[in-house]
Amino acid sequence: MSILITNEEYRQDSYALLNQYKESMSYLASVFNDDYQKSDAVTKLSWKSFAFYNKCIKSLQANDADSGLHFFQEAKQNERHGSEGFRVSGFSENNRKEEIDLVADEVREEASGKISIGFIGADVAEIEKAKLIAGIELLKAQSIDLYNEAELLIDEIVLTGPGDEYHVRSASSYNLLGLVLIWADEVHSPIYYAQQVVHEAAHLRLFLKSTDDKFVLNPESELYTAPFRPDARPMLGIFHALFVLARIALAMAGLGKIAPGKLAEEAREKGRVAEKRFFATAAQIKRDGVLTPMGQQIFDECLQEMTQISPFRNVYDDMLKSGF
């Protein structure tokens, strides 16, 4: 079943991971002699709970039971009860230190210390939150299925400020599953924010699916010069880019038809850029990628769908013909 075009499978995968988390927390409770009980009221995995749970497991693997217990308690206390909608907040220096460290450490580790993350003032966060919500409402109008998927997969969107020269534009990760970071700035439009939501929700969908499949067989140690990126990346990162670009291109094409005024042209332009980058990325995967059957299925679905909607298929064919 295709995961490029949103379908109900994401609900099954999401609930399966939530249940695995609950089962594992129940086991850890027996280890720590804690009174934790699985609750049916917890219907969505909190990114904070999952992040602290992962730190608990790593601590126990390092034979650090004290830290393991601390992180277990944090995971327990941060579970969400009730509403499934995602929250929006700002990355503030007034946040709990433990939560700041969770985010900053993950950004540092994922980017090998090359990318920073900055705090954002409450006044700026409120202004940009309004534009973010406007962008999300456009997405909802364009595709209720895509909106519903994002609403389930995203626990919280945290708006960030600029850090150093190289700072987070948008980000998500498996270890902090459910968290989406988006750089907020007055120059950004609702379409910009809609694009980032689609971008990171696509990563989250693949992270969720990756509990069952690796998508690529290329070793992580093998790095490839990725299209449009100055840094070399493992093939899994390039595969993620393929899926993300396809999702963005489809969403922007739809928004270009319904957004008002200049926002429509902005969406169409972002869609055209994504289409060209998609085909360049697809050519590299075709040449260098070693895919699992699931990875090949996703690749084929993306290529077929993009070929149908885009005039830029020649980018893919020409690159393969030339050997680039």
C-alpha atoms as a PDB file:
ATOM      1  CA  MET A   1       0.000   0.000   0.000  1.00  0.00           C
ATOM      2  CA  SER A   2       1.387   3.396  -0.998  1.00  0.00           C
ATOM      3  CA  ILE A   3       2.486   5.749   1.762  1.00  0.00           C
ATOM      4  CA  LEU A   4       3.178   8.640  -0.625  1.00  0.00           C
ATOM      5  CA  ILE A   5      -0.529   9.285  -0.996  1.00  0.00           C
ATOM      6  CA  THR A   6      -1.867   9.460   2.545  1.00  0.00           C
ATOM      7  CA  ASN A   7      -3.851   6.433   3.689  1.00  0.00           C
ATOM      8  CA  GLU A   8      -5.063   5.042   6.997  1.00  0.00           C
ATOM      9  CA  GLU A   9      -1.989   2.828   7.420  1.00  0.00           C
ATOM     10  CA  TYR A  10      -0.241   5.624   9.316  1.00  0.00           C
ATOM     11  CA  ARG A  11      -2.829   5.247  12.093  1.00  0.00           C
ATOM     12  CA  GLN A  12      -2.061   1.553  12.441  1.00  0.00           C
ATOM     13  CA  ASP A  13       1.691   2.196  12.513  1.00  0.00           C
ATOM     14  CA  SER A  14       1.297   5.022  15.027  1.00  0.00           C
ATOM     15  CA  TYR A  15      -0.877   3.013  17.401  1.00  0.00           C
ATOM     16  CA  ALA A  16       1.445   0.017  17.088  1.00  0.00           C
ATOM     17  CA  LEU A  17       4.418   2.124  18.219  1.00  0.00           C
ATOM     18  CA  LEU A  18       2.354   3.650  21.037  1.00  0.00           C
ATOM     19  CA  ASN A  19       1.419   0.179  22.273  1.00  0.00           C
ATOM     20  CA  GLN A  20       5.045  -0.976  22.076  1.00  0.00           C
ATOM     21  CA  TYR A  21       6.015   2.044  24.169  1.00  0.00           C
ATOM     22  CA  LYS A  22       3.345   1.252  26.774  1.00  0.00           C
ATOM     23  CA  GLU A  23       4.388  -2.404  26.971  1.00  0.00           C
ATOM     24  CA  SER A  24       8.026  -1.440  27.385  1.00  0.00           C
ATOM     25  CA  MET A  25       7.178   1.163  30.040  1.00  0.00           C
ATOM     26  CA  SER A  26       5.191  -1.490  31.938  1.00  0.00           C
ATOM     27  CA  TYR A  27       8.203  -3.779  31.873  1.00  0.00           C
ATOM     28  CA  LEU A  28      10.500  -0.980  33.031  1.00  0.00           C
ATOM     29  CA  ALA A  29       8.052  -0.257  35.857  1.00  0.00           C
ATOM     30  CA  SER A  30       8.547  -3.811  37.102  1.00  0.00           C
ATOM     31  CA  VAL A  31      12.320  -3.316  36.940  1.00  0.00           C
ATOM     32  CA  PHE A  32      12.116  -0.056  38.921  1.00  0.00           C
ATOM     33  CA  ASN A  33       9.327  -1.309  41.227  1.00  0.00           C
ATOM     34  CA  ASP A  34       7.156   1.589  40.056  1.00  0.00           C
ATOM     35  CA  ASP A  35       3.362   1.792  40.043  1.00  0.00           C
ATOM     36  CA  TYR A  36       3.135   2.790  36.351  1.00  0.00           C
ATOM     37  CA  GLN A  37      -0.011   1.499  34.663  1.00  0.00           C
ATOM     38  CA  LYS A  38      -0.821   1.470  30.963  1.00  0.00           C
ATOM     39  CA  SER A  39      -3.648   3.911  30.339  1.00  0.00           C
ATOM     40  CA  ASP A  40      -6.230   3.816  27.559  1.00  0.00           C
ATOM     41  CA  ALA A  41      -6.477   7.594  27.993  1.00  0.00           C
ATOM     42  CA  VAL A  42      -2.998   7.934  26.456  1.00  0.00           C
ATOM     43  CA  THR A  43      -3.952   7.880  22.778  1.00  0.00           C
ATOM     44  CA  LYS A  44      -0.967   9.715  21.305  1.00  0.00           C
ATOM     45  CA  LEU A  45       2.749   9.324  21.931  1.00  0.00           C
ATOM     46  CA  SER A  46       4.224  12.453  23.486  1.00  0.00           C
ATOM     47  CA  TRP A  47       7.578  13.385  21.967  1.00  0.00           C
ATOM     48  CA  LYS A  48       8.916  14.188  25.416  1.00  0.00           C
ATOM     49  CA  SER A  49       7.850  10.804  26.786  1.00  0.00           C
ATOM     50  CA  PHE A  50       9.414   9.000  23.828  1.00  0.00           C
ATOM     51  CA  ALA A  51      12.626  11.032  24.084  1.00  0.00           C
ATOM     52  CA  PHE A  52      13.015  10.387  27.815  1.00  0.00           C
ATOM     53  CA  TYR A  53      12.104   6.737  27.287  1.00  0.00           C
ATOM     54  CA  ASN A  54      14.922   6.434  24.724  1.00  0.00           C
ATOM     55  CA  LYS A  55      17.347   8.073  27.158  1.00  0.00           C
ATOM     56  CA  CYS A  56      16.192   5.622  29.838  1.00  0.00           C
ATOM     57  CA  ILE A  57      16.982   2.655  27.592  1.00  0.00           C
ATOM     58  CA  LYS A  58      20.405   4.070  26.696  1.00  0.00           C
ATOM     59  CA  SER A  59      21.181   4.647  30.383  1.00  0.00           C
ATOM     60  CA  LEU A  60      20.296   1.071  31.282  1.00  0.00           C
ATOM     61  CA  GLN A  61      22.421  -0.218  28.403  1.00  0.00           C
ATOM     62  CA  ALA A  62      25.285   1.777  29.934  1.00  0.00           C
ATOM     63  CA  ASN A  63      24.540   0.220  33.363  1.00  0.00           C
ATOM     64  CA  ASP A  64      23.489   3.603  34.760  1.00  0.00           C
ATOM     65  CA  ALA A  65      20.381   2.602  36.704  1.00  0.00           C
ATOM     66  CA  ASP A  66      20.049   5.930  38.541  1.00  0.00           C
ATOM     67  CA  SER A  67      19.848   7.931  35.315  1.00  0.00           C
ATOM     68  CA  GLY A  68      17.602   5.252  33.865  1.00  0.00           C
ATOM     69  CA  LEU A  69      15.125   5.675  36.717  1.00  0.00           C
ATOM     70  CA  HIS A  70      15.226   9.466  36.376  1.00  0.00           C
ATOM     71  CA  PHE A  71      14.456   9.321  32.652  1.00  0.00           C
ATOM     72  CA  PHE A  72      11.758   6.688  33.230  1.00  0.00           C
ATOM     73  CA  GLN A  73      10.003   9.050  35.642  1.00  0.00           C
ATOM     74  CA  GLU A  74      10.296  11.897  33.129  1.00  0.00           C
ATOM     75  CA  ALA A  75       8.757   9.721  30.416  1.00  0.00           C
ATOM     76  CA  LYS A  76       5.919   8.765  32.734  1.00  0.00           C
ATOM     77  CA  GLN A  77       5.201  12.348  33.798  1.00  0.00           C
ATOM     78  CA  ASN A  78       5.139  13.685  30.235  1.00  0.00           C
ATOM     79  CA  GLU A  79       2.558  11.275  28.830  1.00  0.00           C
ATOM     80  CA  ARG A  80      -0.371  12.937  27.072  1.00  0.00           C
ATOM     81  CA  HIS A  81      -3.950  12.224  28.034  1.00  0.00           C
ATOM     82  CA  GLY A  82      -6.894  13.155  25.831  1.00  0.00           C
ATOM     83  CA  SER A  83      -6.738  15.385  22.763  1.00  0.00           C
ATOM     84  CA  GLU A  84      -4.801  14.205  19.713  1.00  0.00           C
ATOM     85  CA  GLY A  85      -4.233  17.661  18.209  1.00  0.00           C
ATOM     86  CA  PHE A  86      -0.701  19.022  17.996  1.00  0.00           C
ATOM     87  CA  ARG A  87       0.531  21.925  20.069  1.00  0.00           C
ATOM     88  CA  VAL A  88       2.548  24.975  18.994  1.00  0.00           C
ATOM     89  CA  SER A  89       5.091  26.680  21.245  1.00  0.00           C
ATOM     90  CA  GLY A  90       8.293  28.705  21.127  1.00  0.00           C
ATOM     91  CA  PHE A  91      11.787  27.487  21.983  1.00  0.00           C
ATOM     92  CA  SER A  92      12.338  29.726  24.985  1.00  0.00           C
ATOM     93  CA  GLU A  93      15.175  30.018  27.443  1.00  0.00           C
ATOM     94  CA  ASN A  94      12.431  29.916  30.078  1.00  0.00           C
ATOM     95  CA  ASN A  95      11.613  26.310  29.165  1.00  0.00           C
ATOM     96  CA  ARG A  96      12.687  23.550  31.548  1.00  0.00           C
ATOM     97  CA  LYS A  97      16.405  22.883  31.244  1.00  0.00           C
ATOM     98  CA  GLU A  98      15.752  19.165  30.750  1.00  0.00           C
ATOM     99  CA  GLU A  99      13.579  19.904  27.719  1.00  0.00           C
ATOM    100  CA  ILE A 100      16.026  22.430  26.270  1.00  0.00           C
ATOM    101  CA  ASP A 101      18.797  19.858  26.622  1.00  0.00           C
ATOM    102  CA  LEU A 102      16.705  17.174  24.920  1.00  0.00           C
ATOM    103  CA  VAL A 103      16.326  19.336  21.823  1.00  0.00           C
ATOM    104  CA  ALA A 104      19.775  20.940  21.776  1.00  0.00           C
ATOM    105  CA  ASP A 105      21.572  17.621  22.321  1.00  0.00           C
ATOM    106  CA  GLU A 106      19.624  15.927  19.526  1.00  0.00           C
ATOM    107  CA  VAL A 107      20.315  18.770  17.066  1.00  0.00           C
ATOM    108  CA  ARG A 108      23.989  18.687  17.999  1.00  0.00           C
ATOM    109  CA  GLU A 109      24.221  14.911  17.593  1.00  0.00           C
ATOM    110  CA  GLU A 110      22.259  14.725  14.333  1.00  0.00           C
ATOM    111  CA  ALA A 111      24.285  17.520  12.726  1.00  0.00           C
ATOM    112  CA  SER A 112      27.649  16.599  14.284  1.00  0.00           C
ATOM    113  CA  GLY A 113      27.754  19.982  15.989  1.00  0.00           C
ATOM    114  CA  LYS A 114      27.603  21.895  12.684  1.00  0.00           C
ATOM    115  CA  ILE A 115      24.099  23.346  13.133  1.00  0.00           C
ATOM    116  CA  SER A 116      22.839  25.464  16.017  1.00  0.00           C
ATOM    117  CA  ILE A 117      19.411  26.260  17.411  1.00  0.00           C
ATOM    118  CA  GLY A 118      18.281  29.602  18.800  1.00  0.00           C
ATOM    119  CA  PHE A 119      15.690  30.811  21.277  1.00  0.00           C
ATOM    120  CA  ILE A 120      12.709  32.900  20.207  1.00  0.00           C
ATOM    121  CA  GLY A 121      10.940  35.705  22.058  1.00  0.00           C
ATOM    122  CA  ALA A 122       7.306  35.274  23.076  1.00  0.00           C
ATOM    123  CA  ASP A 123       6.138  38.235  20.976  1.00  0.00           C
ATOM    124  CA  VAL A 124       7.779  36.940  17.792  1.00  0.00           C
ATOM    125  CA  ALA A 125       6.511  33.429  18.498  1.00  0.00           C
ATOM    126  CA  GLU A 126       2.910  34.657  18.711  1.00  0.00           C
ATOM    127  CA  ILE A 127       3.125  36.558  15.420  1.00  0.00           C
ATOM    128  CA  GLU A 128       4.704  33.638  13.582  1.00  0.00           C
ATOM    129  CA  LYS A 129       2.347  31.132  15.204  1.00  0.00           C
ATOM    130  CA  ALA A 130      -0.560  32.962  13.556  1.00  0.00           C
ATOM    131  CA  LYS A 131       1.092  32.559  10.140  1.00  0.00           C
ATOM    132  CA  LEU A 132       1.865  28.914  10.879  1.00  0.00           C
ATOM    133  CA  ILE A 133      -1.772  28.245  11.754  1.00  0.00           C
ATOM    134  CA  ALA A 134      -2.858  30.044   8.567  1.00  0.00           C
ATOM    135  CA  GLY A 135      -0.556  27.793   6.552  1.00  0.00           C
ATOM    136  CA  ILE A 136      -1.890  24.693   8.283  1.00  0.00           C
ATOM    137  CA  GLU A 137      -5.464  25.783   7.556  1.00  0.00           C
ATOM    138  CA  LEU A 138      -4.551  26.072   3.868  1.00  0.00           C
ATOM    139  CA  LEU A 139      -3.147  22.540   4.005  1.00  0.00           C
ATOM    140  CA  LYS A 140      -6.349  21.357   5.647  1.00  0.00           C
ATOM    141  CA  ALA A 141      -8.417  22.915   2.872  1.00  0.00           C
ATOM    142  CA  GLN A 142      -6.163  21.468   0.182  1.00  0.00           C
ATOM    143  CA  SER A 143      -6.021  17.906   1.573  1.00  0.00           C
ATOM    144  CA  ILE A 144      -7.885  16.844   4.695  1.00  0.00           C
ATOM    145  CA  ASP A 145      -6.122  13.466   4.503  1.00  0.00           C
ATOM    146  CA  LEU A 146      -2.673  15.073   4.592  1.00  0.00           C
ATOM    147  CA  TYR A 147      -3.788  17.338   7.428  1.00  0.00           C
ATOM    148  CA  ASN A 148      -5.154  14.404   9.450  1.00  0.00           C
ATOM    149  CA  GLU A 149      -1.905  12.499   9.015  1.00  0.00           C
ATOM    150  CA  ALA A 150       0.173  15.483  10.146  1.00  0.00           C
ATOM    151  CA  GLU A 151      -2.141  16.050  13.113  1.00  0.00           C
ATOM    152  CA  LEU A 152      -1.635  12.481  14.302  1.00  0.00           C
ATOM    153  CA  LEU A 153       2.108  12.242  13.654  1.00  0.00           C
ATOM    154  CA  ILE A 154       3.046  15.648  15.083  1.00  0.00           C
ATOM    155  CA  ASP A 155       2.807  16.045  18.843  1.00  0.00           C
ATOM    156  CA  GLU A 156       4.258  19.554  19.023  1.00  0.00           C
ATOM    157  CA  ILE A 157       5.621  22.187  16.664  1.00  0.00           C
ATOM    158  CA  VAL A 158       8.298  24.282  18.351  1.00  0.00           C
ATOM    159  CA  LEU A 159       9.195  27.573  16.697  1.00  0.00           C
ATOM    160  CA  THR A 160      12.878  28.435  16.985  1.00  0.00           C
ATOM    161  CA  GLY A 161      14.978  31.544  16.552  1.00  0.00           C
ATOM    162  CA  PRO A 162      18.199  31.989  14.581  1.00  0.00           C
ATOM    163  CA  GLY A 163      21.322  30.549  16.126  1.00  0.00           C
ATOM    164  CA  ASP A 164      24.745  30.845  14.547  1.00  0.00           C
ATOM    165  CA  GLU A 165      25.311  31.195  10.805  1.00  0.00           C
ATOM    166  CA  TYR A 166      24.204  27.602  10.226  1.00  0.00           C
ATOM    167  CA  HIS A 167      21.046  27.055  12.222  1.00  0.00           C
ATOM    168  CA  VAL A 168      17.968  24.864  12.149  1.00  0.00           C
ATOM    169  CA  ARG A 169      15.511  25.678   9.362  1.00  0.00           C
ATOM    170  CA  SER A 170      13.261  22.764  10.195  1.00  0.00           C
ATOM    171  CA  ALA A 171      13.997  19.425  11.819  1.00  0.00           C
ATOM    172  CA  SER A 172      12.627  16.205  13.237  1.00  0.00           C
ATOM    173  CA  SER A 173      14.178  12.921  14.350  1.00  0.00           C
ATOM    174  CA  TYR A 174      13.279   9.398  15.401  1.00  0.00           C
ATOM    175  CA  ASN A 175      14.605   9.856  18.939  1.00  0.00           C
ATOM    176  CA  LEU A 176      12.294  12.857  19.424  1.00  0.00           C
ATOM    177  CA  LEU A 177       9.475  11.370  17.359  1.00  0.00           C
ATOM    178  CA  GLY A 178       6.521  13.745  17.229  1.00  0.00           C
ATOM    179  CA  LEU A 179       8.546  16.951  17.622  1.00  0.00           C
ATOM    180  CA  VAL A 180       8.875  19.344  14.691  1.00  0.00           C
ATOM    181  CA  LEU A 181      11.232  22.323  14.884  1.00  0.00           C
ATOM    182  CA  ILE A 182      10.635  25.238  12.516  1.00  0.00           C
ATOM    183  CA  TRP A 183      12.725  28.401  12.309  1.00  0.00           C
ATOM    184  CA  ALA A 184      10.366  31.359  12.690  1.00  0.00           C
ATOM    185  CA  ASP A 185      11.096  34.731  11.112  1.00  0.00           C
ATOM    186  CA  GLU A 186       9.051  37.743  10.042  1.00  0.00           C
ATOM    187  CA  VAL A 187       9.975  37.164   6.387  1.00  0.00           C
ATOM    188  CA  HIS A 188       8.225  33.795   6.358  1.00  0.00           C
ATOM    189  CA  SER A 189       4.762  33.393   4.869  1.00  0.00           C
ATOM    190  CA  PRO A 190       1.964  30.901   5.599  1.00  0.00           C
ATOM    191  CA  ILE A 191       3.115  28.949   2.527  1.00  0.00           C
ATOM    192  CA  TYR A 192       6.626  28.690   3.970  1.00  0.00           C
ATOM    193  CA  TYR A 193       5.232  27.251   7.184  1.00  0.00           C
ATOM    194  CA  ALA A 194       2.915  24.896   5.297  1.00  0.00           C
ATOM    195  CA  GLN A 195       5.921  23.606   3.354  1.00  0.00           C
ATOM    196  CA  GLN A 196       7.889  22.951   6.535  1.00  0.00           C
ATOM    197  CA  VAL A 197       4.973  21.082   8.107  1.00  0.00           C
ATOM    198  CA  VAL A 198       4.667  18.874   5.015  1.00  0.00           C
ATOM    199  CA  HIS A 199       8.457  18.424   4.978  1.00  0.00           C
ATOM    200  CA  GLU A 200       8.773  17.254   8.564  1.00  0.00           C
ATOM    201  CA  ALA A 201       5.541  15.233   8.592  1.00  0.00           C
ATOM    202  CA  ALA A 202       6.986  13.298   5.643  1.00  0.00           C
ATOM    203  CA  HIS A 203      10.127  12.536   7.659  1.00  0.00           C
ATOM    204  CA  LEU A 204       7.956  11.424  10.587  1.00  0.00           C
ATOM    205  CA  ARG A 205       5.995   9.094   8.298  1.00  0.00           C
ATOM    206  CA  LEU A 206       9.219   7.431   7.174  1.00  0.00           C
ATOM    207  CA  PHE A 207      10.574   7.286  10.734  1.00  0.00           C
ATOM    208  CA  LEU A 208       7.403   5.487  11.762  1.00  0.00           C
ATOM    209  CA  LYS A 209       7.626   3.080   8.832  1.00  0.00           C
ATOM    210  CA  SER A 210      11.323   2.456   9.504  1.00  0.00           C
ATOM    211  CA  THR A 211      10.420   0.406  12.588  1.00  0.00           C
ATOM    212  CA  ASP A 212       9.520  -2.307  10.022  1.00  0.00           C
ATOM    213  CA  ASP A 213      11.936  -1.632   7.178  1.00  0.00           C
ATOM    214  CA  LYS A 214      15.339  -0.042   6.480  1.00  0.00           C
ATOM    215  CA  PHE A 215      14.428   1.148   2.921  1.00  0.00           C
ATOM    216  CA  VAL A 216      18.091   1.094   1.811  1.00  0.00           C
ATOM    217  CA  LEU A 217      20.873  -1.470   2.145  1.00  0.00           C
ATOM    218  CA  ASN A 218      23.780   0.907   1.507  1.00  0.00           C
ATOM    219  CA  PRO A 219      26.028   1.049   4.601  1.00  0.00           C
ATOM    220  CA  GLU A 220      25.633   4.186   6.716  1.00  0.00           C
ATOM    221  CA  SER A 221      29.379   4.710   6.471  1.00  0.00           C
ATOM    222  CA  GLU A 222      29.123   5.210   2.698  1.00  0.00           C
ATOM    223  CA  LEU A 223      28.500   8.879   1.947  1.00  0.00           C
ATOM    224  CA  TYR A 224      27.281  10.358  -1.323  1.00  0.00           C
ATOM    225  CA  THR A 225      27.362  13.905  -2.626  1.00  0.00           C
ATOM    226  CA  ALA A 226      23.665  14.664  -2.542  1.00  0.00           C
ATOM    227  CA  PRO A 227      21.959  16.898  -5.135  1.00  0.00           C
ATOM    228  CA  PHE A 228      21.638  20.516  -3.984  1.00  0.00           C
ATOM    229  CA  ARG A 229      23.497  19.798  -0.719  1.00  0.00           C
ATOM    230  CA  PRO A 230      27.071  20.862   0.078  1.00  0.00           C
ATOM    231  CA  ASP A 231      27.585  17.931   2.456  1.00  0.00           C
ATOM    232  CA  ALA A 232      27.873  14.233   1.667  1.00  0.00           C
ATOM    233  CA  ARG A 233      25.070  12.094   3.090  1.00  0.00           C
ATOM    234  CA  PRO A 234      24.304   8.402   3.619  1.00  0.00           C
ATOM    235  CA  MET A 235      21.878   6.882   1.129  1.00  0.00           C
ATOM    236  CA  LEU A 236      19.116   6.725   3.744  1.00  0.00           C
ATOM    237  CA  GLY A 237      19.228  10.520   4.022  1.00  0.00           C
ATOM    238  CA  ILE A 238      18.953  10.840   0.244  1.00  0.00           C
ATOM    239  CA  PHE A 239      16.026   8.400   0.240  1.00  0.00           C
ATOM    240  CA  HIS A 240      14.292  10.515   2.882  1.00  0.00           C
ATOM    241  CA  ALA A 241      14.855  13.556   0.655  1.00  0.00           C
ATOM    242  CA  LEU A 242      13.190  11.764  -2.269  1.00  0.00           C
ATOM    243  CA  PHE A 243      10.024  11.090  -0.274  1.00  0.00           C
ATOM    244  CA  VAL A 244       9.985  14.546   1.307  1.00  0.00           C
ATOM    245  CA  LEU A 245      10.396  16.318  -2.044  1.00  0.00           C
ATOM    246  CA  ALA A 246       7.592  14.276  -3.595  1.00  0.00           C
ATOM    247  CA  ARG A 247       5.271  15.149  -0.712  1.00  0.00           C
ATOM    248  CA  ILE A 248       6.204  18.844  -0.947  1.00  0.00           C
ATOM    249  CA  ALA A 249       5.703  18.936  -4.718  1.00  0.00           C
ATOM    250  CA  LEU A 250       2.256  17.363  -4.450  1.00  0.00           C
ATOM    251  CA  ALA A 251       1.189  19.647  -1.597  1.00  0.00           C
ATOM    252  CA  MET A 252       2.484  22.823  -3.248  1.00  0.00           C
ATOM    253  CA  ALA A 253       0.767  21.944  -6.523  1.00  0.00           C
ATOM    254  CA  GLY A 254      -2.490  21.669  -4.606  1.00  0.00           C
ATOM    255  CA  LEU A 255      -1.929  24.866  -2.628  1.00  0.00           C
ATOM    256  CA  GLY A 256      -1.124  26.699  -5.859  1.00  0.00           C
ATOM    257  CA  LYS A 257      -4.722  26.087  -6.899  1.00  0.00           C
ATOM    258  CA  ILE A 258      -6.460  27.289  -3.726  1.00  0.00           C
ATOM    259  CA  ALA A 259      -4.200  29.799  -1.945  1.00  0.00           C
ATOM    260  CA  PRO A 260      -5.123  33.484  -2.318  1.00  0.00           C
ATOM    261  CA  GLY A 261      -3.153  36.030  -4.348  1.00  0.00           C
ATOM    262  CA  LYS A 262       0.631  35.958  -4.163  1.00  0.00           C
ATOM    263  CA  LEU A 263       0.578  32.928  -1.874  1.00  0.00           C
ATOM    264  CA  ALA A 264      -0.631  30.819  -4.799  1.00  0.00           C
ATOM    265  CA  GLU A 265       2.346  31.802  -6.962  1.00  0.00           C
ATOM    266  CA  GLU A 266       4.717  31.217  -4.044  1.00  0.00           C
ATOM    267  CA  ALA A 267       3.290  27.718  -3.643  1.00  0.00           C
ATOM    268  CA  ARG A 268       3.610  26.970  -7.356  1.00  0.00           C
ATOM    269  CA  GLU A 269       7.236  28.169  -7.392  1.00  0.00           C
ATOM    270  CA  LYS A 270       8.122  26.061  -4.348  1.00  0.00           C
ATOM    271  CA  GLY A 271       6.445  23.139  -6.084  1.00  0.00           C
ATOM    272  CA  ARG A 272       8.509  23.610  -9.249  1.00  0.00           C
ATOM    273  CA  VAL A 273      11.735  23.732  -7.233  1.00  0.00           C
ATOM    274  CA  ALA A 274      10.753  20.567  -5.351  1.00  0.00           C
ATOM    275  CA  GLU A 275       9.910  18.765  -8.606  1.00  0.00           C
ATOM    276  CA  LYS A 276      13.316  19.479 -10.177  1.00  0.00           C
ATOM    277  CA  ARG A 277      15.128  18.470  -7.010  1.00  0.00           C
ATOM    278  CA  PHE A 278      13.031  15.335  -6.747  1.00  0.00           C
ATOM    279  CA  PHE A 279      14.054  14.093 -10.192  1.00  0.00           C
ATOM    280  CA  ALA A 280      17.739  14.853  -9.535  1.00  0.00           C
ATOM    281  CA  THR A 281      17.507  12.949  -6.256  1.00  0.00           C
ATOM    282  CA  ALA A 282      15.701  10.059  -7.947  1.00  0.00           C
ATOM    283  CA  ALA A 283      18.479   9.805 -10.544  1.00  0.00           C
ATOM    284  CA  GLN A 284      21.102   9.520  -7.831  1.00  0.00           C
ATOM    285  CA  ILE A 285      19.170   6.821  -5.991  1.00  0.00           C
ATOM    286  CA  LYS A 286      18.650   4.940  -9.272  1.00  0.00           C
ATOM    287  CA  ARG A 287      22.400   5.022  -9.889  1.00  0.00           C
ATOM    288  CA  ASP A 288      23.791   4.468  -6.388  1.00  0.00           C
ATOM    289  CA  GLY A 289      21.008   3.162  -4.166  1.00  0.00           C
ATOM    290  CA  VAL A 290      20.550  -0.440  -3.067  1.00  0.00           C
ATOM    291  CA  LEU A 291      16.935  -0.603  -1.931  1.00  0.00           C
ATOM    292  CA  THR A 292      14.880  -3.094   0.032  1.00  0.00           C
ATOM    293  CA  PRO A 293      11.647  -4.294  -1.614  1.00  0.00           C
ATOM    294  CA  MET A 294       9.735  -1.714   0.455  1.00  0.00           C
ATOM    295  CA  GLY A 295      12.246   0.988  -0.469  1.00  0.00           C
ATOM    296  CA  GLN A 296      11.919   0.078  -4.147  1.00  0.00           C
ATOM    297  CA  GLN A 297       8.126   0.189  -3.910  1.00  0.00           C
ATOM    298  CA  ILE A 298       8.199   3.675  -2.386  1.00  0.00           C
ATOM    299  CA  PHE A 299      10.747   4.833  -4.984  1.00  0.00           C
ATOM    300  CA  ASP A 300       8.625   3.516  -7.864  1.00  0.00           C
ATOM    301  CA  GLU A 301       5.436   5.073  -6.477  1.00  0.00           C
ATOM    302  CA  CYS A 302       7.105   8.459  -6.032  1.00  0.00           C
ATOM    303  CA  LEU A 303       8.631   8.402  -9.518  1.00  0.00           C
ATOM    304  CA  GLN A 304       5.351   7.358 -11.132  1.00  0.00           C
ATOM    305  CA  GLU A 305       3.299   9.992  -9.318  1.00  0.00           C
ATOM    306  CA  MET A 306       5.779  12.789  -9.985  1.00  0.00           C
ATOM    307  CA  THR A 307       6.080  11.852 -13.658  1.00  0.00           C
ATOM    308  CA  GLN A 308       2.310  12.267 -13.955  1.00  0.00           C
ATOM    309  CA  ILE A 309       2.143  15.756 -12.439  1.00  0.00           C
ATOM    310  CA  SER A 310       5.464  17.345 -13.423  1.00  0.00           C
ATOM    311  CA  PRO A 311       6.992  18.567 -16.710  1.00  0.00           C
ATOM    312  CA  PHE A 312      10.528  18.036 -15.347  1.00  0.00           C
ATOM    313  CA  ARG A 313      10.922  14.261 -15.817  1.00  0.00           C
ATOM    314  CA  ASN A 314      13.666  15.077 -18.345  1.00  0.00           C
ATOM    315  CA  VAL A 315      15.935  16.053 -15.423  1.00  0.00           C
ATOM    316  CA  TYR A 316      15.915  12.401 -14.293  1.00  0.00           C
ATOM    317  CA  ASP A 317      16.335  10.937 -17.787  1.00  0.00           C
ATOM    318  CA  ASP A 318      19.090  13.370 -18.808  1.00  0.00           C
ATOM    319  CA  MET A 319      21.109  12.791 -15.625  1.00  0.00           C
ATOM    320  CA  LEU A 320      20.991   9.017 -16.021  1.00  0.00           C
ATOM    321  CA  LYS A 321      21.902   9.297 -19.710  1.00  0.00           C
ATOM    322  CA  SER A 322      24.919  11.490 -18.968  1.00  0.00           C
ATOM    323  CA  GLY A 323      26.055   9.454 -15.971  1.00  0.00           C
ATOM    324  CA  PHE A 324      26.429  12.788 -14.157  1.00  0.00           C
END
